[in-house]
């Protein structure tokens, strides 16, 4: 899920009420038996610096993983971060 795309109001990952509302979607999917979930926060423009956004995203994902694992210790959460570069195939990345 990308909580930012096509949203009327962007998610404030520093706001616990926003995180609780978003977590309800993950809890619902998990209750249906989904064991691997993802949070995609890519392709969203922000006025904040990439470092601030990355730190907020990491905190959000860590919070979600902890909450999911309270329900199911085997639950997994994948993050597609906002600030990223390339596709991993550039030669200088593998050097």
PDB file of N, CA and C in Angstrom:
ATOM      1  N   UNK A   1       0.840  -1.164   0.000  1.00  0.00           N
ATOM      2  CA  UNK A   1       0.000   0.000   0.000  1.00  0.00           C
ATOM      3  C   UNK A   1       0.895   1.240   0.000  1.00  0.00           C
ATOM      4  N   UNK A   2       0.528   2.208  -0.788  1.00  0.00           N
ATOM      5  CA  UNK A   2       1.186   3.496  -0.711  1.00  0.00           C
ATOM      6  C   UNK A   2       0.187   4.462  -0.099  1.00  0.00           C
ATOM      7  N   UNK A   3       0.352   4.801   1.179  1.00  0.00           N
ATOM      8  CA  UNK A   3      -0.644   5.623   1.863  1.00  0.00           C
ATOM      9  C   UNK A   3      -0.679   7.068   1.389  1.00  0.00           C
ATOM     10  N   UNK A   4       0.243   7.456   0.532  1.00  0.00           N
ATOM     11  CA  UNK A   4       0.295   8.849   0.105  1.00  0.00           C
ATOM     12  C   UNK A   4      -0.343   9.084  -1.265  1.00  0.00           C
ATOM     13  N   UNK A   5      -0.263   8.110  -2.147  1.00  0.00           N
ATOM     14  CA  UNK A   5      -0.783   8.313  -3.493  1.00  0.00           C
ATOM     15  C   UNK A   5      -2.304   8.283  -3.488  1.00  0.00           C
ATOM     16  N   UNK A   6      -2.888   9.191  -4.217  1.00  0.00           N
ATOM     17  CA  UNK A   6      -4.345   9.285  -4.361  1.00  0.00           C
ATOM     18  C   UNK A   6      -5.067   9.554  -3.046  1.00  0.00           C
ATOM     19  N   UNK A   7      -4.367  10.118  -2.075  1.00  0.00           N
ATOM     20  CA  UNK A   7      -4.988  10.452  -0.799  1.00  0.00           C
ATOM     21  C   UNK A   7      -5.439  11.901  -0.810  1.00  0.00           C
ATOM     22  N   UNK A   8      -6.578  12.151  -0.194  1.00  0.00           N
ATOM     23  CA  UNK A   8      -7.066  13.522  -0.083  1.00  0.00           C
ATOM     24  C   UNK A   8      -6.137  14.322   0.821  1.00  0.00           C
ATOM     25  N   UNK A   9      -5.680  13.690   1.900  1.00  0.00           N
ATOM     26  CA  UNK A   9      -4.759  14.333   2.833  1.00  0.00           C
ATOM     27  C   UNK A   9      -3.590  13.394   3.051  1.00  0.00           C
ATOM     28  N   UNK A  10      -2.396  13.921   2.893  1.00  0.00           N
ATOM     29  CA  UNK A  10      -1.213  13.089   3.052  1.00  0.00           C
ATOM     30  C   UNK A  10      -1.068  12.603   4.483  1.00  0.00           C
ATOM     31  N   UNK A  11      -0.577  11.390   4.606  1.00  0.00           N
ATOM     32  CA  UNK A  11      -0.293  10.799   5.905  1.00  0.00           C
ATOM     33  C   UNK A  11       0.803  11.593   6.596  1.00  0.00           C
ATOM     34  N   UNK A  12       0.600  11.874   7.858  1.00  0.00           N
ATOM     35  CA  UNK A  12       1.644  12.478   8.678  1.00  0.00           C
ATOM     36  C   UNK A  12       2.213  11.358   9.529  1.00  0.00           C
ATOM     37  N   UNK A  13       3.366  10.829   9.120  1.00  0.00           N
ATOM     38  CA  UNK A  13       3.919   9.666   9.816  1.00  0.00           C
ATOM     39  C   UNK A  13       4.396   9.996  11.226  1.00  0.00           C
ATOM     40  N   UNK A  14       4.419  11.265  11.592  1.00  0.00           N
ATOM     41  CA  UNK A  14       4.777  11.653  12.956  1.00  0.00           C
ATOM     42  C   UNK A  14       3.535  11.760  13.847  1.00  0.00           C
ATOM     43  N   UNK A  15       2.352  11.586  13.260  1.00  0.00           N
ATOM     44  CA  UNK A  15       1.097  11.719  13.992  1.00  0.00           C
ATOM     45  C   UNK A  15       0.559  10.333  14.339  1.00  0.00           C
ATOM     46  N   UNK A  16       0.432  10.043  15.637  1.00  0.00           N
ATOM     47  CA  UNK A  16       0.004   8.700  16.060  1.00  0.00           C
ATOM     48  C   UNK A  16      -1.416   8.381  15.606  1.00  0.00           C
ATOM     49  N   UNK A  17      -2.299   9.375  15.514  1.00  0.00           N
ATOM     50  CA  UNK A  17      -3.667   9.120  15.041  1.00  0.00           C
ATOM     51  C   UNK A  17      -3.650   8.668  13.582  1.00  0.00           C
ATOM     52  N   UNK A  18      -2.818   9.307  12.757  1.00  0.00           N
ATOM     53  CA  UNK A  18      -2.684   8.898  11.356  1.00  0.00           C
ATOM     54  C   UNK A  18      -2.152   7.464  11.265  1.00  0.00           C
ATOM     55  N   UNK A  19      -1.148   7.161  12.077  1.00  0.00           N
ATOM     56  CA  UNK A  19      -0.577   5.817  12.046  1.00  0.00           C
ATOM     57  C   UNK A  19      -1.588   4.769  12.505  1.00  0.00           C
ATOM     58  N   UNK A  20      -2.386   5.093  13.501  1.00  0.00           N
ATOM     59  CA  UNK A  20      -3.404   4.157  13.972  1.00  0.00           C
ATOM     60  C   UNK A  20      -4.438   3.878  12.886  1.00  0.00           C
ATOM     61  N   UNK A  21      -4.869   4.915  12.186  1.00  0.00           N
ATOM     62  CA  UNK A  21      -5.830   4.720  11.102  1.00  0.00           C
ATOM     63  C   UNK A  21      -5.233   3.867   9.990  1.00  0.00           C
ATOM     64  N   UNK A  22      -3.999   4.151   9.621  1.00  0.00           N
ATOM     65  CA  UNK A  22      -3.356   3.374   8.570  1.00  0.00           C
ATOM     66  C   UNK A  22      -3.145   1.929   9.015  1.00  0.00           C
ATOM     67  N   UNK A  23      -2.761   1.744  10.262  1.00  0.00           N
ATOM     68  CA  UNK A  23      -2.511   0.392  10.747  1.00  0.00           C
ATOM     69  C   UNK A  23      -3.763  -0.480  10.668  1.00  0.00           C
ATOM     70  N   UNK A  24      -4.934   0.120  10.787  1.00  0.00           N
ATOM     71  CA  UNK A  24      -6.170  -0.641  10.686  1.00  0.00           C
ATOM     72  C   UNK A  24      -6.242  -1.411   9.367  1.00  0.00           C
ATOM     73  N   UNK A  25      -5.753  -0.820   8.283  1.00  0.00           N
ATOM     74  CA  UNK A  25      -5.752  -1.493   6.983  1.00  0.00           C
ATOM     75  C   UNK A  25      -4.834  -2.717   7.004  1.00  0.00           C
ATOM     76  N   UNK A  26      -3.688  -2.574   7.632  1.00  0.00           N
ATOM     77  CA  UNK A  26      -2.742  -3.684   7.710  1.00  0.00           C
ATOM     78  C   UNK A  26      -3.278  -4.784   8.629  1.00  0.00           C
ATOM     79  N   UNK A  27      -3.895  -4.386   9.728  1.00  0.00           N
ATOM     80  CA  UNK A  27      -4.472  -5.368  10.649  1.00  0.00           C
ATOM     81  C   UNK A  27      -5.593  -6.140   9.960  1.00  0.00           C
ATOM     82  N   UNK A  28      -6.392  -5.443   9.151  1.00  0.00           N
ATOM     83  CA  UNK A  28      -7.469  -6.107   8.410  1.00  0.00           C
ATOM     84  C   UNK A  28      -6.897  -7.136   7.435  1.00  0.00           C
ATOM     85  N   UNK A  29      -5.900  -6.741   6.647  1.00  0.00           N
ATOM     86  CA  UNK A  29      -5.291  -7.673   5.691  1.00  0.00           C
ATOM     87  C   UNK A  29      -4.673  -8.857   6.426  1.00  0.00           C
ATOM     88  N   UNK A  30      -4.007  -8.578   7.522  1.00  0.00           N
ATOM     89  CA  UNK A  30      -3.384  -9.647   8.297  1.00  0.00           C
ATOM     90  C   UNK A  30      -4.441 -10.593   8.849  1.00  0.00           C
ATOM     91  N   UNK A  31      -5.583 -10.062   9.250  1.00  0.00           N
ATOM     92  CA  UNK A  31      -6.650 -10.913   9.790  1.00  0.00           C
ATOM     93  C   UNK A  31      -7.217 -11.852   8.728  1.00  0.00           C
ATOM     94  N   UNK A  32      -7.005 -11.514   7.452  1.00  0.00           N
ATOM     95  CA  UNK A  32      -7.454 -12.376   6.355  1.00  0.00           C
ATOM     96  C   UNK A  32      -6.404 -13.430   5.998  1.00  0.00           C
ATOM     97  N   UNK A  33      -5.269 -13.402   6.703  1.00  0.00           N
ATOM     98  CA  UNK A  33      -4.238 -14.407   6.473  1.00  0.00           C
ATOM     99  C   UNK A  33      -3.022 -13.915   5.719  1.00  0.00           C
ATOM    100  N   UNK A  34      -2.971 -12.650   5.377  1.00  0.00           N
ATOM    101  CA  UNK A  34      -1.811 -12.100   4.672  1.00  0.00           C
ATOM    102  C   UNK A  34      -0.649 -12.038   5.661  1.00  0.00           C
ATOM    103  N   UNK A  35       0.480 -12.646   5.294  1.00  0.00           N
ATOM    104  CA  UNK A  35       1.640 -12.683   6.186  1.00  0.00           C
ATOM    105  C   UNK A  35       2.723 -11.692   5.766  1.00  0.00           C
ATOM    106  N   UNK A  36       2.762 -11.339   4.479  1.00  0.00           N
ATOM    107  CA  UNK A  36       3.751 -10.386   3.971  1.00  0.00           C
ATOM    108  C   UNK A  36       2.994  -9.139   3.538  1.00  0.00           C
ATOM    109  N   UNK A  37       3.342  -8.014   4.151  1.00  0.00           N
ATOM    110  CA  UNK A  37       2.700  -6.741   3.856  1.00  0.00           C
ATOM    111  C   UNK A  37       3.770  -5.743   3.431  1.00  0.00           C
ATOM    112  N   UNK A  38       3.342  -4.680   2.774  1.00  0.00           N
ATOM    113  CA  UNK A  38       4.324  -3.663   2.385  1.00  0.00           C
ATOM    114  C   UNK A  38       3.760  -2.269   2.618  1.00  0.00           C
ATOM    115  N   UNK A  39       4.691  -1.376   2.897  1.00  0.00           N
ATOM    116  CA  UNK A  39       4.400   0.052   2.931  1.00  0.00           C
ATOM    117  C   UNK A  39       5.286   0.675   1.862  1.00  0.00           C
ATOM    118  N   UNK A  40       4.651   1.330   0.915  1.00  0.00           N
ATOM    119  CA  UNK A  40       5.387   1.973  -0.177  1.00  0.00           C
ATOM    120  C   UNK A  40       5.199   3.480  -0.045  1.00  0.00           C
ATOM    121  N   UNK A  41       6.255   4.166   0.202  1.00  0.00           N
ATOM    122  CA  UNK A  41       6.178   5.623   0.343  1.00  0.00           C
ATOM    123  C   UNK A  41       7.011   6.304  -0.727  1.00  0.00           C
ATOM    124  N   UNK A  42       7.209   5.593  -1.836  1.00  0.00           N
ATOM    125  CA  UNK A  42       7.961   6.152  -2.957  1.00  0.00           C
ATOM    126  C   UNK A  42       7.058   7.036  -3.819  1.00  0.00           C
ATOM    127  N   UNK A  43       7.700   7.809  -4.656  1.00  0.00           N
ATOM    128  CA  UNK A  43       7.010   8.657  -5.640  1.00  0.00           C
ATOM    129  C   UNK A  43       6.086   9.695  -5.005  1.00  0.00           C
ATOM    130  N   UNK A  44       6.458  10.160  -3.823  1.00  0.00           N
ATOM    131  CA  UNK A  44       5.709  11.205  -3.150  1.00  0.00           C
ATOM    132  C   UNK A  44       6.647  12.370  -2.922  1.00  0.00           C
ATOM    133  N   UNK A  45       6.240  13.528  -3.432  1.00  0.00           N
ATOM    134  CA  UNK A  45       7.080  14.709  -3.237  1.00  0.00           C
ATOM    135  C   UNK A  45       6.803  15.301  -1.864  1.00  0.00           C
ATOM    136  N   UNK A  46       7.845  15.800  -1.262  1.00  0.00           N
ATOM    137  CA  UNK A  46       7.713  16.409   0.062  1.00  0.00           C
ATOM    138  C   UNK A  46       8.600  17.643   0.134  1.00  0.00           C
ATOM    139  N   UNK A  47       8.244  18.537   1.022  1.00  0.00           N
ATOM    140  CA  UNK A  47       9.044  19.749   1.220  1.00  0.00           C
ATOM    141  C   UNK A  47      10.179  19.501   2.205  1.00  0.00           C
ATOM    142  N   UNK A  48      10.100  18.384   2.929  1.00  0.00           N
ATOM    143  CA  UNK A  48      11.138  18.069   3.909  1.00  0.00           C
ATOM    144  C   UNK A  48      12.348  17.470   3.214  1.00  0.00           C
ATOM    145  N   UNK A  49      13.470  17.464   3.911  1.00  0.00           N
ATOM    146  CA  UNK A  49      14.681  16.889   3.353  1.00  0.00           C
ATOM    147  C   UNK A  49      14.559  15.375   3.281  1.00  0.00           C
ATOM    148  N   UNK A  50      15.261  14.727   2.339  1.00  0.00           N
ATOM    149  CA  UNK A  50      15.215  13.261   2.244  1.00  0.00           C
ATOM    150  C   UNK A  50      15.611  12.563   3.539  1.00  0.00           C
ATOM    151  N   UNK A  51      16.541  13.153   4.302  1.00  0.00           N
ATOM    152  CA  UNK A  51      16.959  12.532   5.562  1.00  0.00           C
ATOM    153  C   UNK A  51      15.827  12.529   6.592  1.00  0.00           C
ATOM    154  N   UNK A  52      15.077  13.620   6.655  1.00  0.00           N
ATOM    155  CA  UNK A  52      13.954  13.702   7.589  1.00  0.00           C
ATOM    156  C   UNK A  52      12.882  12.698   7.194  1.00  0.00           C
ATOM    157  N   UNK A  53      12.578  12.638   5.906  1.00  0.00           N
ATOM    158  CA  UNK A  53      11.561  11.711   5.412  1.00  0.00           C
ATOM    159  C   UNK A  53      11.983  10.271   5.686  1.00  0.00           C
ATOM    160  N   UNK A  54      13.231   9.941   5.417  1.00  0.00           N
ATOM    161  CA  UNK A  54      13.720   8.575   5.640  1.00  0.00           C
ATOM    162  C   UNK A  54      13.625   8.197   7.113  1.00  0.00           C
ATOM    163  N   UNK A  55      13.961   9.114   7.997  1.00  0.00           N
ATOM    164  CA  UNK A  55      13.887   8.831   9.435  1.00  0.00           C
ATOM    165  C   UNK A  55      12.440   8.610   9.873  1.00  0.00           C
ATOM    166  N   UNK A  56      11.523   9.425   9.364  1.00  0.00           N
ATOM    167  CA  UNK A  56      10.108   9.258   9.703  1.00  0.00           C
ATOM    168  C   UNK A  56       9.578   7.929   9.163  1.00  0.00           C
ATOM    169  N   UNK A  57       9.954   7.597   7.922  1.00  0.00           N
ATOM    170  CA  UNK A  57       9.514   6.334   7.325  1.00  0.00           C
ATOM    171  C   UNK A  57      10.034   5.140   8.117  1.00  0.00           C
ATOM    172  N   UNK A  58      11.288   5.199   8.541  1.00  0.00           N
ATOM    173  CA  UNK A  58      11.875   4.102   9.311  1.00  0.00           C
ATOM    174  C   UNK A  58      11.156   3.938  10.639  1.00  0.00           C
ATOM    175  N   UNK A  59      10.847   5.040  11.292  1.00  0.00           N
ATOM    176  CA  UNK A  59      10.130   4.970  12.564  1.00  0.00           C
ATOM    177  C   UNK A  59       8.742   4.369  12.356  1.00  0.00           C
ATOM    178  N   UNK A  60       8.061   4.778  11.283  1.00  0.00           N
ATOM    179  CA  UNK A  60       6.734   4.251  10.995  1.00  0.00           C
ATOM    180  C   UNK A  60       6.789   2.742  10.755  1.00  0.00           C
ATOM    181  N   UNK A  61       7.736   2.302   9.950  1.00  0.00           N
ATOM    182  CA  UNK A  61       7.846   0.873   9.641  1.00  0.00           C
ATOM    183  C   UNK A  61       8.202   0.076  10.891  1.00  0.00           C
ATOM    184  N   UNK A  62       9.109   0.582  11.693  1.00  0.00           N
ATOM    185  CA  UNK A  62       9.459  -0.116  12.942  1.00  0.00           C
ATOM    186  C   UNK A  62       8.246  -0.237  13.866  1.00  0.00           C
ATOM    187  N   UNK A  63       7.444   0.808  13.937  1.00  0.00           N
ATOM    188  CA  UNK A  63       6.225   0.776  14.740  1.00  0.00           C
ATOM    189  C   UNK A  63       5.256  -0.268  14.210  1.00  0.00           C
ATOM    190  N   UNK A  64       5.078  -0.295  12.881  1.00  0.00           N
ATOM    191  CA  UNK A  64       4.157  -1.246  12.271  1.00  0.00           C
ATOM    192  C   UNK A  64       4.632  -2.684  12.469  1.00  0.00           C
ATOM    193  N   UNK A  65       5.914  -2.922  12.284  1.00  0.00           N
ATOM    194  CA  UNK A  65       6.442  -4.280  12.468  1.00  0.00           C
ATOM    195  C   UNK A  65       6.195  -4.742  13.900  1.00  0.00           C
ATOM    196  N   UNK A  66       6.476  -3.893  14.858  1.00  0.00           N
ATOM    197  CA  UNK A  66       6.269  -4.260  16.261  1.00  0.00           C
ATOM    198  C   UNK A  66       4.800  -4.585  16.524  1.00  0.00           C
ATOM    199  N   UNK A  67       3.906  -3.759  15.995  1.00  0.00           N
ATOM    200  CA  UNK A  67       2.479  -4.001  16.215  1.00  0.00           C
ATOM    201  C   UNK A  67       2.013  -5.276  15.522  1.00  0.00           C
ATOM    202  N   UNK A  68       2.480  -5.497  14.306  1.00  0.00           N
ATOM    203  CA  UNK A  68       2.110  -6.722  13.590  1.00  0.00           C
ATOM    204  C   UNK A  68       2.614  -7.957  14.310  1.00  0.00           C
ATOM    205  N   UNK A  69       3.841  -7.873  14.789  1.00  0.00           N
ATOM    206  CA  UNK A  69       4.435  -9.041  15.447  1.00  0.00           C
ATOM    207  C   UNK A  69       3.850  -9.300  16.834  1.00  0.00           C
ATOM    208  N   UNK A  70       3.196  -8.323  17.422  1.00  0.00           N
ATOM    209  CA  UNK A  70       2.437  -8.595  18.639  1.00  0.00           C
ATOM    210  C   UNK A  70       1.298  -9.551  18.324  1.00  0.00           C
ATOM    211  N   UNK A  71       0.729  -9.405  17.132  1.00  0.00           N
ATOM    212  CA  UNK A  71      -0.375 -10.259  16.686  1.00  0.00           C
ATOM    213  C   UNK A  71       0.129 -11.582  16.140  1.00  0.00           C
ATOM    214  N   UNK A  72       1.273 -11.515  15.442  1.00  0.00           N
ATOM    215  CA  UNK A  72       1.819 -12.703  14.781  1.00  0.00           C
ATOM    216  C   UNK A  72       3.331 -12.538  14.675  1.00  0.00           C
ATOM    217  N   UNK A  73       4.111 -13.279  15.441  1.00  0.00           N
ATOM    218  CA  UNK A  73       5.569 -13.134  15.422  1.00  0.00           C
ATOM    219  C   UNK A  73       6.206 -13.400  14.051  1.00  0.00           C
ATOM    220  N   UNK A  74       5.490 -14.041  13.145  1.00  0.00           N
ATOM    221  CA  UNK A  74       6.043 -14.344  11.825  1.00  0.00           C
ATOM    222  C   UNK A  74       5.633 -13.334  10.759  1.00  0.00           C
ATOM    223  N   UNK A  75       4.858 -12.334  11.110  1.00  0.00           N
ATOM    224  CA  UNK A  75       4.438 -11.321  10.141  1.00  0.00           C
ATOM    225  C   UNK A  75       5.658 -10.579   9.600  1.00  0.00           C
ATOM    226  N   UNK A  76       5.607 -10.230   8.320  1.00  0.00           N
ATOM    227  CA  UNK A  76       6.716  -9.538   7.661  1.00  0.00           C
ATOM    228  C   UNK A  76       6.203  -8.247   7.042  1.00  0.00           C
ATOM    229  N   UNK A  77       7.045  -7.232   7.029  1.00  0.00           N
ATOM    230  CA  UNK A  77       6.688  -5.949   6.440  1.00  0.00           C
ATOM    231  C   UNK A  77       7.838  -5.473   5.570  1.00  0.00           C
ATOM    232  N   UNK A  78       7.536  -5.130   4.341  1.00  0.00           N
ATOM    233  CA  UNK A  78       8.528  -4.653   3.380  1.00  0.00           C
ATOM    234  C   UNK A  78       8.331  -3.154   3.200  1.00  0.00           C
ATOM    235  N   UNK A  79       9.414  -2.408   3.116  1.00  0.00           N
ATOM    236  CA  UNK A  79       9.361  -0.961   2.899  1.00  0.00           C
ATOM    237  C   UNK A  79       9.957  -0.630   1.546  1.00  0.00           C
ATOM    238  N   UNK A  80       9.216   0.127   0.766  1.00  0.00           N
ATOM    239  CA  UNK A  80       9.777   0.778  -0.412  1.00  0.00           C
ATOM    240  C   UNK A  80       9.914   2.243  -0.023  1.00  0.00           C
ATOM    241  N   UNK A  81      11.139   2.682   0.265  1.00  0.00           N
ATOM    242  CA  UNK A  81      11.328   4.034   0.805  1.00  0.00           C
ATOM    243  C   UNK A  81      11.112   5.120  -0.238  1.00  0.00           C
ATOM    244  N   UNK A  82      10.874   6.319   0.262  1.00  0.00           N
ATOM    245  CA  UNK A  82      10.719   7.463  -0.633  1.00  0.00           C
ATOM    246  C   UNK A  82      12.030   7.839  -1.291  1.00  0.00           C
ATOM    247  N   UNK A  83      13.061   8.140  -0.508  1.00  0.00           N
ATOM    248  CA  UNK A  83      14.335   8.504  -1.126  1.00  0.00           C
ATOM    249  C   UNK A  83      15.124   7.249  -1.526  1.00  0.00           C
ATOM    250  N   UNK A  84      15.191   7.001  -2.788  1.00  0.00           N
ATOM    251  CA  UNK A  84      16.017   5.914  -3.307  1.00  0.00           C
ATOM    252  C   UNK A  84      16.568   6.345  -4.651  1.00  0.00           C
ATOM    253  N   UNK A  85      17.501   5.595  -5.143  1.00  0.00           N
ATOM    254  CA  UNK A  85      18.138   5.969  -6.398  1.00  0.00           C
ATOM    255  C   UNK A  85      18.386   4.731  -7.223  1.00  0.00           C
ATOM    256  N   UNK A  86      17.997   4.779  -8.479  1.00  0.00           N
ATOM    257  CA  UNK A  86      18.332   3.725  -9.425  1.00  0.00           C
ATOM    258  C   UNK A  86      17.642   2.409  -9.161  1.00  0.00           C
ATOM    259  N   UNK A  87      18.096   1.409  -9.903  1.00  0.00           N
ATOM    260  CA  UNK A  87      17.506   0.074  -9.802  1.00  0.00           C
ATOM    261  C   UNK A  87      18.510  -0.977  -9.350  1.00  0.00           C
ATOM    262  N   UNK A  88      19.687  -0.553  -8.915  1.00  0.00           N
ATOM    263  CA  UNK A  88      20.681  -1.490  -8.415  1.00  0.00           C
ATOM    264  C   UNK A  88      21.572  -2.099  -9.472  1.00  0.00           C
ATOM    265  N   UNK A  89      21.389  -1.704 -10.723  1.00  0.00           N
ATOM    266  CA  UNK A  89      22.179  -2.309 -11.793  1.00  0.00           C
ATOM    267  C   UNK A  89      23.358  -1.447 -12.243  1.00  0.00           C
ATOM    268  N   UNK A  90      23.487  -0.243 -11.703  1.00  0.00           N
ATOM    269  CA  UNK A  90      24.582   0.635 -12.111  1.00  0.00           C
ATOM    270  C   UNK A  90      25.915   0.048 -11.678  1.00  0.00           C
ATOM    271  N   UNK A  91      26.907   0.014 -12.563  1.00  0.00           N
ATOM    272  CA  UNK A  91      28.200  -0.609 -12.223  1.00  0.00           C
ATOM    273  C   UNK A  91      28.850  -0.016 -10.969  1.00  0.00           C
ATOM    274  N   UNK A  92      28.727   1.293 -10.759  1.00  0.00           N
ATOM    275  CA  UNK A  92      29.386   1.910  -9.603  1.00  0.00           C
ATOM    276  C   UNK A  92      28.759   1.456  -8.290  1.00  0.00           C
ATOM    277  N   UNK A  93      27.531   0.993  -8.329  1.00  0.00           N
ATOM    278  CA  UNK A  93      26.862   0.521  -7.127  1.00  0.00           C
ATOM    279  C   UNK A  93      27.441  -0.830  -6.705  1.00  0.00           C
ATOM    280  N   UNK A  94      27.871  -1.637  -7.695  1.00  0.00           N
ATOM    281  CA  UNK A  94      28.363  -2.983  -7.407  1.00  0.00           C
ATOM    282  C   UNK A  94      29.870  -3.033  -7.192  1.00  0.00           C
ATOM    283  N   UNK A  95      30.527  -1.901  -7.333  1.00  0.00           N
ATOM    284  CA  UNK A  95      31.992  -1.888  -7.218  1.00  0.00           C
ATOM    285  C   UNK A  95      32.449  -2.093  -5.790  1.00  0.00           C
TER     286      UNK A  95
END
